[in-house]
Structures are given as C-alpha cells and as structure tokens.
C-alpha cells in the first residue's frame, strides 16, 4: 500500500508557497529518491498541461522569472533528468534545504521514514543582491 508524504515549498521566512502530496511504494526513501520523485512529478505535470508558468524546485534553462513562477517558451518540454541533476546539485550546494518533520536532511543518501502526517519542506535560498 502506498505511503503519502506531504510536500511543501516555503520561503526562508517561513511563508508557504505551494503544498501537495506525493505517494511512495515504501515507508523509507532516501533524500535523493524524494527529490527524484518530486522533480519527476512536477515536470510531468507541466509537460502534460503546459500551464503558463512552471513551478518547480529548480529553474529550467531559458526560463524567464515571473512573480508566480517561471515562464518557458510556448510548447517547450522540460527534461526531468536535467532538472533532477540540477536539484541534487542545489541541495548539495546548500541552495535548497529539506526539512523532514523537525529535522534538516543532510545528505542525498540519508534515509527518511514516511509515517502518517510526515511533511517534507523545501526551502530555496536566494542570493542577496550584491552578494
């Protein structure tokens, strides 16, 4: 039976931007598997529906930043594998933090346990102007 994990994107100030659920076949996954599942799902959703903006963990190349997400050239498909690699690099470079429950994930190979009510919060850090 699949286990459900609540995914939330937050600002560094704690404001929730988006929240949804992901299903996993096991109760234990690595941080890498969590990122892979999240990125795969958001890219598939975008590629199937082609909404006006892409709301993903990392910005695709050639995307233009908008207040509500990023805009891509009309009809452009996003490659989930490229996005996955960029997301893993962002995590390893501390540009994205992942909090599972009340604990910060520290490595891609770290295992997390998914129990009822478990939440994974993704926080993207943005560089300061002039920094």
N, C-alpha and C. Protein backbone atom coordinates (compact mmCIF):
# COMPACT_ATOMS: atom_id res chain seq x y z
N UNK A 1 0.84 -1.18 0.00
CA UNK A 1 0.00 0.00 0.00
C UNK A 1 0.89 1.25 0.00
N UNK A 2 0.63 2.20 -0.90
CA UNK A 2 1.47 3.40 -0.97
C UNK A 2 1.39 4.23 0.31
N UNK A 3 2.51 4.91 0.60
CA UNK A 3 2.53 5.85 1.72
C UNK A 3 2.56 7.25 1.13
N UNK A 4 1.92 8.18 1.81
CA UNK A 4 1.79 9.54 1.30
C UNK A 4 2.64 10.50 2.12
N UNK A 5 3.35 11.35 1.43
CA UNK A 5 4.19 12.36 2.05
C UNK A 5 3.70 13.73 1.57
N UNK A 6 3.48 14.63 2.52
CA UNK A 6 3.09 15.99 2.16
C UNK A 6 4.35 16.77 1.82
N UNK A 7 4.34 17.44 0.68
CA UNK A 7 5.45 18.25 0.21
C UNK A 7 5.02 19.71 0.30
N UNK A 8 5.91 20.54 0.82
CA UNK A 8 5.61 21.96 0.94
C UNK A 8 6.83 22.77 0.50
N UNK A 9 6.60 23.80 -0.28
CA UNK A 9 7.64 24.77 -0.63
C UNK A 9 7.43 25.98 0.25
N UNK A 10 8.51 26.45 0.89
CA UNK A 10 8.43 27.62 1.74
C UNK A 10 9.54 28.60 1.40
N UNK A 11 9.29 29.85 1.73
CA UNK A 11 10.34 30.86 1.64
C UNK A 11 11.22 30.73 2.87
N UNK A 12 12.37 31.39 2.85
CA UNK A 12 13.26 31.38 4.01
C UNK A 12 12.59 32.01 5.23
N UNK A 13 11.58 32.85 5.00
CA UNK A 13 10.86 33.49 6.10
C UNK A 13 9.72 32.61 6.64
N UNK A 14 9.52 31.43 6.02
CA UNK A 14 8.50 30.51 6.51
C UNK A 14 7.15 30.60 5.84
N UNK A 15 7.02 31.40 4.80
CA UNK A 15 5.75 31.52 4.08
C UNK A 15 5.58 30.33 3.14
N UNK A 16 4.45 29.64 3.23
CA UNK A 16 4.17 28.50 2.35
C UNK A 16 3.78 29.01 0.97
N UNK A 17 4.48 28.50 -0.06
CA UNK A 17 4.20 28.87 -1.44
C UNK A 17 3.28 27.87 -2.12
N UNK A 18 3.55 26.58 -1.94
CA UNK A 18 2.76 25.50 -2.55
C UNK A 18 2.78 24.32 -1.60
N UNK A 19 1.74 23.49 -1.69
CA UNK A 19 1.70 22.26 -0.90
C UNK A 19 0.92 21.21 -1.69
N UNK A 20 1.42 19.98 -1.71
CA UNK A 20 0.76 18.87 -2.38
C UNK A 20 1.27 17.58 -1.77
N UNK A 21 0.79 16.45 -2.27
CA UNK A 21 1.18 15.15 -1.75
C UNK A 21 1.85 14.31 -2.81
N UNK A 22 2.81 13.49 -2.37
CA UNK A 22 3.48 12.52 -3.24
C UNK A 22 3.29 11.15 -2.61
N UNK A 23 3.10 10.15 -3.46
CA UNK A 23 2.98 8.78 -2.96
C UNK A 23 4.25 8.00 -3.24
N UNK A 24 4.61 7.15 -2.28
CA UNK A 24 5.78 6.28 -2.40
C UNK A 24 5.34 4.85 -2.12
N UNK A 25 6.04 3.89 -2.71
CA UNK A 25 5.69 2.48 -2.52
C UNK A 25 6.26 1.91 -1.23
N UNK A 26 7.24 2.60 -0.65
CA UNK A 26 7.85 2.12 0.59
C UNK A 26 7.76 3.21 1.66
N UNK A 27 8.00 2.81 2.90
CA UNK A 27 7.96 3.77 4.01
C UNK A 27 9.31 4.42 4.26
N UNK A 28 10.35 3.95 3.59
CA UNK A 28 11.68 4.54 3.73
C UNK A 28 12.20 4.89 2.35
N UNK A 29 12.64 6.13 2.20
CA UNK A 29 13.23 6.59 0.95
C UNK A 29 14.45 7.45 1.28
N UNK A 30 15.36 7.53 0.34
CA UNK A 30 16.50 8.43 0.53
C UNK A 30 16.08 9.84 0.11
N UNK A 31 16.86 10.80 0.52
CA UNK A 31 16.61 12.18 0.11
C UNK A 31 16.70 12.27 -1.41
N UNK A 32 17.64 11.54 -2.01
CA UNK A 32 17.78 11.52 -3.47
C UNK A 32 16.48 11.02 -4.12
N UNK A 33 15.88 9.95 -3.58
CA UNK A 33 14.63 9.42 -4.12
C UNK A 33 13.48 10.40 -3.93
N UNK A 34 13.49 11.10 -2.82
CA UNK A 34 12.48 12.13 -2.57
C UNK A 34 12.58 13.23 -3.63
N UNK A 35 13.78 13.72 -3.86
CA UNK A 35 13.99 14.76 -4.87
C UNK A 35 13.61 14.25 -6.26
N UNK A 36 14.03 13.02 -6.58
CA UNK A 36 13.71 12.45 -7.89
C UNK A 36 12.19 12.38 -8.10
N UNK A 37 11.47 11.88 -7.11
CA UNK A 37 10.02 11.75 -7.24
C UNK A 37 9.34 13.10 -7.38
N UNK A 38 9.79 14.06 -6.57
CA UNK A 38 9.21 15.39 -6.62
C UNK A 38 9.44 16.02 -7.99
N UNK A 39 10.68 16.01 -8.46
CA UNK A 39 11.03 16.64 -9.73
C UNK A 39 10.32 15.94 -10.90
N UNK A 40 10.32 14.61 -10.89
CA UNK A 40 9.65 13.86 -11.95
C UNK A 40 8.17 14.26 -12.03
N UNK A 41 7.49 14.31 -10.88
CA UNK A 41 6.07 14.64 -10.85
C UNK A 41 5.79 16.05 -11.35
N UNK A 42 6.57 17.03 -10.87
CA UNK A 42 6.31 18.41 -11.27
C UNK A 42 6.60 18.62 -12.76
N UNK A 43 7.61 17.96 -13.29
CA UNK A 43 7.92 18.09 -14.72
C UNK A 43 6.85 17.40 -15.56
N UNK A 44 6.43 16.21 -15.16
CA UNK A 44 5.37 15.51 -15.90
C UNK A 44 4.09 16.33 -15.91
N UNK A 45 3.72 16.89 -14.76
CA UNK A 45 2.52 17.73 -14.69
C UNK A 45 2.63 18.91 -15.65
N UNK A 46 3.80 19.56 -15.66
CA UNK A 46 3.99 20.71 -16.55
C UNK A 46 3.92 20.28 -18.02
N UNK A 47 4.65 19.23 -18.37
CA UNK A 47 4.71 18.80 -19.77
C UNK A 47 3.34 18.37 -20.30
N UNK A 48 2.51 17.77 -19.45
CA UNK A 48 1.18 17.33 -19.89
C UNK A 48 0.21 18.49 -20.05
N UNK A 49 0.25 19.45 -19.13
CA UNK A 49 -0.74 20.53 -19.13
C UNK A 49 -0.27 21.82 -19.78
N UNK A 50 1.06 22.03 -19.80
CA UNK A 50 1.63 23.26 -20.36
C UNK A 50 0.95 24.52 -19.80
N UNK A 51 0.94 24.68 -18.47
CA UNK A 51 0.36 25.92 -17.91
C UNK A 51 1.25 27.11 -18.27
N UNK A 52 0.80 28.30 -17.95
CA UNK A 52 1.56 29.50 -18.31
C UNK A 52 2.89 29.58 -17.58
N UNK A 53 2.95 29.08 -16.36
CA UNK A 53 4.21 29.14 -15.60
C UNK A 53 4.60 27.75 -15.11
N UNK A 54 5.89 27.56 -14.93
CA UNK A 54 6.45 26.33 -14.37
C UNK A 54 6.81 26.62 -12.92
N UNK A 55 6.25 25.85 -12.01
CA UNK A 55 6.58 25.97 -10.60
C UNK A 55 7.33 24.72 -10.21
N UNK A 56 8.64 24.82 -10.16
CA UNK A 56 9.44 23.65 -9.84
C UNK A 56 10.51 23.96 -8.83
N UNK A 57 11.19 22.93 -8.40
CA UNK A 57 12.24 23.07 -7.40
C UNK A 57 13.40 23.89 -7.95
N UNK A 58 13.76 23.66 -9.21
CA UNK A 58 14.84 24.44 -9.84
C UNK A 58 14.35 24.96 -11.18
N UNK A 59 14.92 26.06 -11.60
CA UNK A 59 14.50 26.73 -12.82
C UNK A 59 15.15 26.08 -14.04
N UNK A 60 14.36 25.75 -15.06
CA UNK A 60 14.93 25.24 -16.31
C UNK A 60 15.74 26.32 -17.01
N UNK A 61 16.70 25.89 -17.81
CA UNK A 61 17.47 26.83 -18.63
C UNK A 61 16.50 27.54 -19.56
N UNK A 62 16.76 28.74 -19.91
CA UNK A 62 15.99 29.61 -20.80
C UNK A 62 14.64 30.04 -20.25
N UNK A 63 14.40 29.83 -18.97
CA UNK A 63 13.14 30.26 -18.35
C UNK A 63 13.26 31.70 -17.88
N UNK A 64 12.17 32.43 -17.96
CA UNK A 64 12.13 33.81 -17.51
C UNK A 64 11.38 33.87 -16.18
N UNK A 65 11.99 34.49 -15.18
CA UNK A 65 11.39 34.58 -13.85
C UNK A 65 10.19 35.51 -13.87
N UNK A 66 9.08 35.04 -13.29
CA UNK A 66 7.85 35.81 -13.13
C UNK A 66 7.50 35.80 -11.64
N UNK A 67 6.64 36.70 -11.18
CA UNK A 67 6.29 36.71 -9.75
C UNK A 67 5.65 35.39 -9.26
N UNK A 68 4.97 34.67 -10.14
CA UNK A 68 4.27 33.46 -9.73
C UNK A 68 4.95 32.16 -10.19
N UNK A 69 6.17 32.23 -10.66
CA UNK A 69 6.89 31.06 -11.15
C UNK A 69 7.84 31.48 -12.26
N UNK A 70 8.12 30.57 -13.18
CA UNK A 70 8.95 30.91 -14.33
C UNK A 70 8.20 30.58 -15.62
N UNK A 71 8.44 31.38 -16.63
CA UNK A 71 7.77 31.21 -17.92
C UNK A 71 8.77 30.60 -18.90
N UNK A 72 8.29 29.62 -19.66
CA UNK A 72 9.09 28.95 -20.68
C UNK A 72 8.51 29.26 -22.05
N UNK A 73 9.32 29.16 -23.09
CA UNK A 73 8.77 29.33 -24.44
C UNK A 73 7.60 28.37 -24.65
N UNK A 74 6.54 28.85 -25.30
CA UNK A 74 5.33 28.04 -25.50
C UNK A 74 5.65 26.71 -26.17
N UNK A 75 5.12 25.65 -25.62
CA UNK A 75 5.30 24.31 -26.17
C UNK A 75 6.59 23.63 -25.77
N UNK A 76 7.43 24.30 -25.03
CA UNK A 76 8.72 23.73 -24.62
C UNK A 76 8.50 22.65 -23.58
N UNK A 77 9.07 21.48 -23.82
CA UNK A 77 9.03 20.37 -22.87
C UNK A 77 10.25 20.48 -21.94
N UNK A 78 10.06 20.12 -20.68
CA UNK A 78 11.13 20.15 -19.70
C UNK A 78 11.64 18.72 -19.52
N UNK A 79 12.95 18.55 -19.45
CA UNK A 79 13.57 17.24 -19.25
C UNK A 79 13.73 16.98 -17.76
N UNK A 80 13.02 16.00 -17.24
CA UNK A 80 13.04 15.77 -15.79
C UNK A 80 14.42 15.34 -15.30
N UNK A 81 15.18 14.63 -16.14
CA UNK A 81 16.51 14.17 -15.71
C UNK A 81 17.46 15.35 -15.51
N UNK A 82 17.40 16.33 -16.40
CA UNK A 82 18.23 17.52 -16.25
C UNK A 82 17.81 18.27 -14.99
N UNK A 83 16.51 18.41 -14.77
CA UNK A 83 16.01 19.10 -13.59
C UNK A 83 16.41 18.36 -12.31
N UNK A 84 16.38 17.04 -12.35
CA UNK A 84 16.76 16.23 -11.19
C UNK A 84 18.23 16.46 -10.84
N UNK A 85 19.10 16.45 -11.85
CA UNK A 85 20.53 16.69 -11.60
C UNK A 85 20.77 18.08 -11.03
N UNK A 86 20.06 19.08 -11.56
CA UNK A 86 20.19 20.44 -11.05
C UNK A 86 19.69 20.53 -9.61
N UNK A 87 18.61 19.82 -9.30
CA UNK A 87 18.05 19.86 -7.95
C UNK A 87 19.00 19.20 -6.94
N UNK A 88 19.61 18.08 -7.33
CA UNK A 88 20.58 17.42 -6.44
C UNK A 88 21.77 18.32 -6.20
N UNK A 89 22.24 18.99 -7.25
CA UNK A 89 23.37 19.91 -7.10
C UNK A 89 23.00 21.07 -6.19
N UNK A 90 21.79 21.60 -6.33
CA UNK A 90 21.34 22.70 -5.48
C UNK A 90 21.29 22.27 -4.02
N UNK A 91 20.84 21.05 -3.76
CA UNK A 91 20.80 20.52 -2.39
C UNK A 91 22.22 20.39 -1.84
N UNK A 92 23.12 19.83 -2.62
CA UNK A 92 24.49 19.62 -2.16
C UNK A 92 25.24 20.94 -1.97
N UNK A 93 24.85 21.98 -2.67
CA UNK A 93 25.49 23.29 -2.55
C UNK A 93 24.76 24.19 -1.54
N UNK A 94 23.83 23.61 -0.79
CA UNK A 94 23.08 24.34 0.24
C UNK A 94 22.26 25.51 -0.31
N UNK A 95 21.81 25.39 -1.56
CA UNK A 95 20.91 26.38 -2.12
C UNK A 95 19.46 25.97 -1.90
N UNK A 96 19.27 24.69 -1.55
CA UNK A 96 17.95 24.15 -1.20
C UNK A 96 18.12 23.34 0.08
N UNK A 97 17.29 23.63 1.05
CA UNK A 97 17.27 22.86 2.29
C UNK A 97 16.00 22.04 2.32
N UNK A 98 16.09 20.84 2.89
CA UNK A 98 14.92 19.99 3.03
C UNK A 98 14.75 19.66 4.50
N UNK A 99 13.59 19.99 5.03
CA UNK A 99 13.26 19.66 6.40
C UNK A 99 12.23 18.54 6.37
N UNK A 100 12.51 17.47 7.07
CA UNK A 100 11.56 16.36 7.17
C UNK A 100 11.13 16.31 8.63
N UNK A 101 9.86 16.65 8.84
CA UNK A 101 9.41 16.83 10.21
C UNK A 101 10.13 18.04 10.78
N UNK A 102 10.83 17.84 11.89
CA UNK A 102 11.55 18.96 12.51
C UNK A 102 13.06 18.84 12.33
N UNK A 103 13.48 17.99 11.39
CA UNK A 103 14.90 17.71 11.18
C UNK A 103 15.33 18.09 9.77
N UNK A 104 16.55 18.65 9.66
CA UNK A 104 17.08 19.01 8.34
C UNK A 104 17.82 17.82 7.74
N UNK A 105 17.49 17.50 6.49
CA UNK A 105 18.20 16.44 5.77
C UNK A 105 19.60 16.93 5.46
N UNK A 106 20.59 16.05 5.62
CA UNK A 106 21.98 16.47 5.46
C UNK A 106 22.70 15.89 4.25
N UNK A 107 22.21 14.76 3.71
CA UNK A 107 22.88 14.18 2.55
C UNK A 107 21.85 13.52 1.63
N UNK A 108 22.24 13.36 0.37
CA UNK A 108 21.35 12.73 -0.60
C UNK A 108 21.07 11.27 -0.26
N UNK A 109 22.01 10.62 0.41
CA UNK A 109 21.85 9.20 0.73
C UNK A 109 21.17 8.95 2.07
N UNK A 110 20.86 10.01 2.79
CA UNK A 110 20.18 9.87 4.07
C UNK A 110 18.78 9.30 3.85
N UNK A 111 18.40 8.34 4.69
CA UNK A 111 17.06 7.76 4.59
C UNK A 111 16.10 8.50 5.49
N UNK A 112 14.89 8.66 4.98
CA UNK A 112 13.83 9.24 5.79
C UNK A 112 12.69 8.24 5.87
N UNK A 113 12.01 8.27 6.98
CA UNK A 113 10.88 7.38 7.19
C UNK A 113 9.59 8.17 7.00
N UNK A 114 8.70 7.62 6.20
CA UNK A 114 7.44 8.28 5.93
C UNK A 114 6.36 7.63 6.79
N UNK A 115 5.86 8.39 7.71
CA UNK A 115 4.76 7.95 8.59
C UNK A 115 3.55 8.82 8.31
N UNK A 116 2.39 8.43 8.78
CA UNK A 116 1.23 9.31 8.60
C UNK A 116 1.53 10.70 9.17
N UNK A 117 1.24 11.71 8.39
CA UNK A 117 1.45 13.08 8.83
C UNK A 117 2.85 13.63 8.57
N UNK A 118 3.75 12.82 8.00
CA UNK A 118 5.10 13.30 7.71
C UNK A 118 5.05 14.36 6.62
N UNK A 119 5.80 15.44 6.83
CA UNK A 119 5.89 16.51 5.85
C UNK A 119 7.34 16.76 5.48
N UNK A 120 7.57 17.04 4.21
CA UNK A 120 8.90 17.44 3.74
C UNK A 120 8.77 18.86 3.22
N UNK A 121 9.56 19.76 3.82
CA UNK A 121 9.52 21.16 3.44
C UNK A 121 10.79 21.51 2.69
N UNK A 122 10.63 22.08 1.51
CA UNK A 122 11.74 22.51 0.68
C UNK A 122 11.86 24.02 0.80
N UNK A 123 13.06 24.49 1.17
CA UNK A 123 13.31 25.91 1.31
C UNK A 123 14.44 26.28 0.35
N UNK A 124 14.16 27.18 -0.58
CA UNK A 124 15.18 27.63 -1.52
C UNK A 124 15.79 28.92 -1.00
N UNK A 125 17.10 28.96 -0.99
CA UNK A 125 17.79 30.17 -0.60
C UNK A 125 18.12 30.96 -1.85
N UNK A 126 17.91 32.24 -1.81
CA UNK A 126 18.24 33.09 -2.95
C UNK A 126 19.39 33.98 -2.57
N UNK A 127 20.35 34.17 -3.47
CA UNK A 127 21.48 35.03 -3.15
C UNK A 127 21.05 36.47 -2.91
N UNK A 128 21.73 37.12 -1.99
CA UNK A 128 21.45 38.53 -1.73
C UNK A 128 22.00 39.37 -2.89
N UNK A 129 21.34 40.47 -3.15
CA UNK A 129 21.80 41.38 -4.21
C UNK A 129 23.17 41.91 -3.81
N UNK A 130 24.12 41.82 -4.72
CA UNK A 130 25.47 42.30 -4.46
C UNK A 130 26.32 41.33 -3.68
N UNK A 131 25.77 40.12 -3.33
CA UNK A 131 26.50 39.17 -2.50
C UNK A 131 27.13 38.08 -3.26
